[in-house]
Protein backbone atom coordinates (compact mmCIF):
# COMPACT_ATOMS: atom_id res chain seq x y z
CA MET A 1 77.40 105.59 79.44
CA SER A 2 79.38 105.53 82.68
CA THR A 3 78.80 102.90 85.33
CA PHE A 4 79.89 105.31 88.09
CA ALA A 5 77.66 108.28 88.83
CA ASN A 6 80.67 110.46 89.67
CA ILE A 7 84.32 110.39 90.75
CA ASP A 8 83.40 109.92 94.42
CA GLU A 9 81.46 106.74 93.63
CA ALA A 10 84.40 105.45 91.56
CA ARG A 11 86.85 106.25 94.38
CA ALA A 12 84.62 104.42 96.88
CA TYR A 13 84.53 101.37 94.59
CA PHE A 14 88.31 101.33 94.19
CA GLU A 15 88.93 101.62 97.94
CA GLY A 16 88.77 97.83 97.69
CA ASP A 17 91.98 97.93 95.62
CA ARG A 18 94.18 97.90 98.69
CA PHE A 19 97.49 97.31 96.89
CA ALA A 20 97.09 100.49 94.85
CA GLY A 21 95.84 102.50 97.82
CA GLU A 22 98.51 101.31 100.24
CA ASN A 23 101.16 102.26 97.69
CA GLY A 24 99.90 105.83 97.38
CA MET A 25 97.98 105.58 94.10
CA THR A 26 94.98 107.85 93.65
CA LEU A 27 92.14 108.06 91.15
CA ASP A 28 92.22 111.68 89.98
CA GLU A 29 89.82 111.82 87.02
CA ILE A 30 87.35 109.50 85.34
CA GLY A 31 85.39 109.89 82.14
CA ASP A 32 83.69 107.89 79.43
CA GLY A 33 86.48 105.47 78.45
CA THR A 34 89.18 107.46 80.25
CA ALA A 35 90.81 107.65 83.66
CA THR A 36 93.79 109.41 85.21
CA CYS A 37 95.61 108.03 88.24
CA SER A 38 98.77 109.24 89.94
CA MET A 39 101.19 108.61 92.77
CA THR A 40 103.91 110.54 94.52
CA LEU A 41 107.18 108.63 94.37
CA THR A 42 108.72 107.64 97.70
CA ARG A 43 111.42 105.27 98.88
CA ARG A 44 108.85 102.45 98.96
CA HIS A 45 108.74 102.60 95.12
CA GLN A 46 112.53 102.24 94.65
CA ASN A 47 114.39 99.24 93.35
CA ALA A 48 117.86 98.13 94.53
CA ASN A 49 119.53 100.65 92.20
CA GLY A 50 117.54 103.60 93.57
CA GLY A 51 115.28 103.86 90.52
CA VAL A 52 111.55 103.33 90.40
CA MET A 53 110.58 99.66 90.46
CA GLY A 54 109.01 98.57 87.18
CA GLY A 55 106.23 96.87 89.12
CA ALA A 56 105.24 100.21 90.69
CA ILE A 57 104.94 101.78 87.23
CA PHE A 58 103.01 98.75 85.98
CA THR A 59 100.62 98.82 88.93
CA LEU A 60 99.82 102.50 88.43
CA ALA A 61 99.09 101.85 84.73
CA ASP A 62 96.98 98.80 85.61
CA PHE A 63 95.03 100.86 88.16
CA ALA A 64 94.22 103.52 85.52
CA PHE A 65 93.22 100.73 83.09
CA ALA A 66 90.91 99.19 85.71
CA ALA A 67 89.24 102.51 86.47
CA ALA A 68 88.66 103.33 82.81
CA VAL A 69 87.34 99.91 81.74
CA ASN A 70 85.08 99.48 84.74
CA ASN A 71 83.54 102.88 84.11
CA VAL A 72 82.39 101.61 80.70
CA HIS A 73 81.37 98.07 81.71
CA ARG A 74 81.51 96.63 85.20
CA PRO A 75 82.92 94.15 85.81
CA THR A 76 85.70 94.02 83.24
CA VAL A 77 88.95 92.17 83.95
CA ALA A 78 92.34 92.18 82.26
CA GLN A 79 92.69 89.49 79.61
CA GLN A 80 96.16 90.39 78.31
CA VAL A 81 98.46 93.32 78.98
CA SER A 82 101.88 94.52 77.93
CA ILE A 83 104.08 97.41 78.94
CA ASN A 84 107.01 99.16 77.32
CA TYR A 85 109.30 101.18 79.57
CA PHE A 86 110.73 104.24 77.83
CA SER A 87 112.70 106.29 80.34
CA PRO A 88 113.21 106.43 84.09
CA PRO A 89 111.17 109.15 85.75
CA LYS A 90 113.00 112.34 86.70
CA GLY A 91 110.16 113.98 88.63
CA THR A 92 108.54 113.25 91.96
CA ARG A 93 105.13 112.11 90.70
CA LEU A 94 103.87 109.61 88.11
CA ILE A 95 100.67 110.14 86.14
CA ALA A 96 98.88 107.37 84.20
CA ARG A 97 96.28 108.39 81.61
CA ALA A 98 94.09 105.61 80.23
CA ARG A 99 92.03 105.96 77.09
CA GLN A 100 89.78 103.59 75.23
CA ARG A 101 91.07 102.39 71.86
CA LYS A 102 88.36 99.80 71.07
CA ASP A 103 85.12 98.82 72.77
CA GLY A 104 83.71 95.55 71.48
CA ARG A 105 80.83 93.38 72.61
CA THR A 106 82.92 91.19 74.97
CA THR A 107 86.42 92.68 74.80
CA CYS A 108 88.05 96.08 74.81
CA VAL A 109 91.49 97.62 74.32
CA TYR A 110 92.93 100.54 76.26
CA ILE A 111 96.19 102.45 76.01
CA VAL A 112 97.71 103.90 79.18
CA ASP A 113 100.44 106.51 78.88
CA VAL A 114 102.59 106.99 81.97
CA THR A 115 104.50 110.24 82.38
CA ASP A 116 106.17 112.00 85.26
CA ASP A 117 105.38 115.49 86.54
CA THR A 118 108.12 116.95 84.30
CA GLY A 119 106.30 115.65 81.19
CA ARG A 120 108.81 112.85 80.55
CA ASP A 121 107.38 109.74 78.83
CA VAL A 122 107.99 106.85 81.24
CA ALA A 123 105.99 103.92 79.85
CA GLN A 124 103.09 102.79 77.69
CA PHE A 125 100.74 100.01 78.78
CA ILE A 126 98.32 98.31 76.42
CA GLY A 127 95.54 96.31 78.00
CA ALA A 128 92.88 94.05 76.59
CA GLY A 129 89.89 93.64 78.85
CA TYR A 130 87.24 90.94 79.00
CA LYS A 131 83.73 91.99 79.97
CA LEU A 132 82.14 89.59 82.49
């Protein structure tokens, strides 16, 4: 059962996530144990070498994780996370798709796959959440 009545309610809740919003991240879809977030890549996301900063990729994945877990149980916070970077993005947009892997009484595990708009696998984030 979702804690948000619809995507508009979820978007209103996550307006409080100013770091994600001010860096161009949007909540595109939300479902039962799933969420999709995206961002258009700009110069603000670049590192010194002209590539996408790992922290920008991480934040997008973390934002999708937060949306998905808090739609199942609110509030849920990150307890432990890890990320593996596969390839630098080649496209102009990043998409993070979160999906529930396990939903326990007090903890949960989600996998977030990050791709670019060309379909290239960019990263995989695994997050364990703690239900408050």
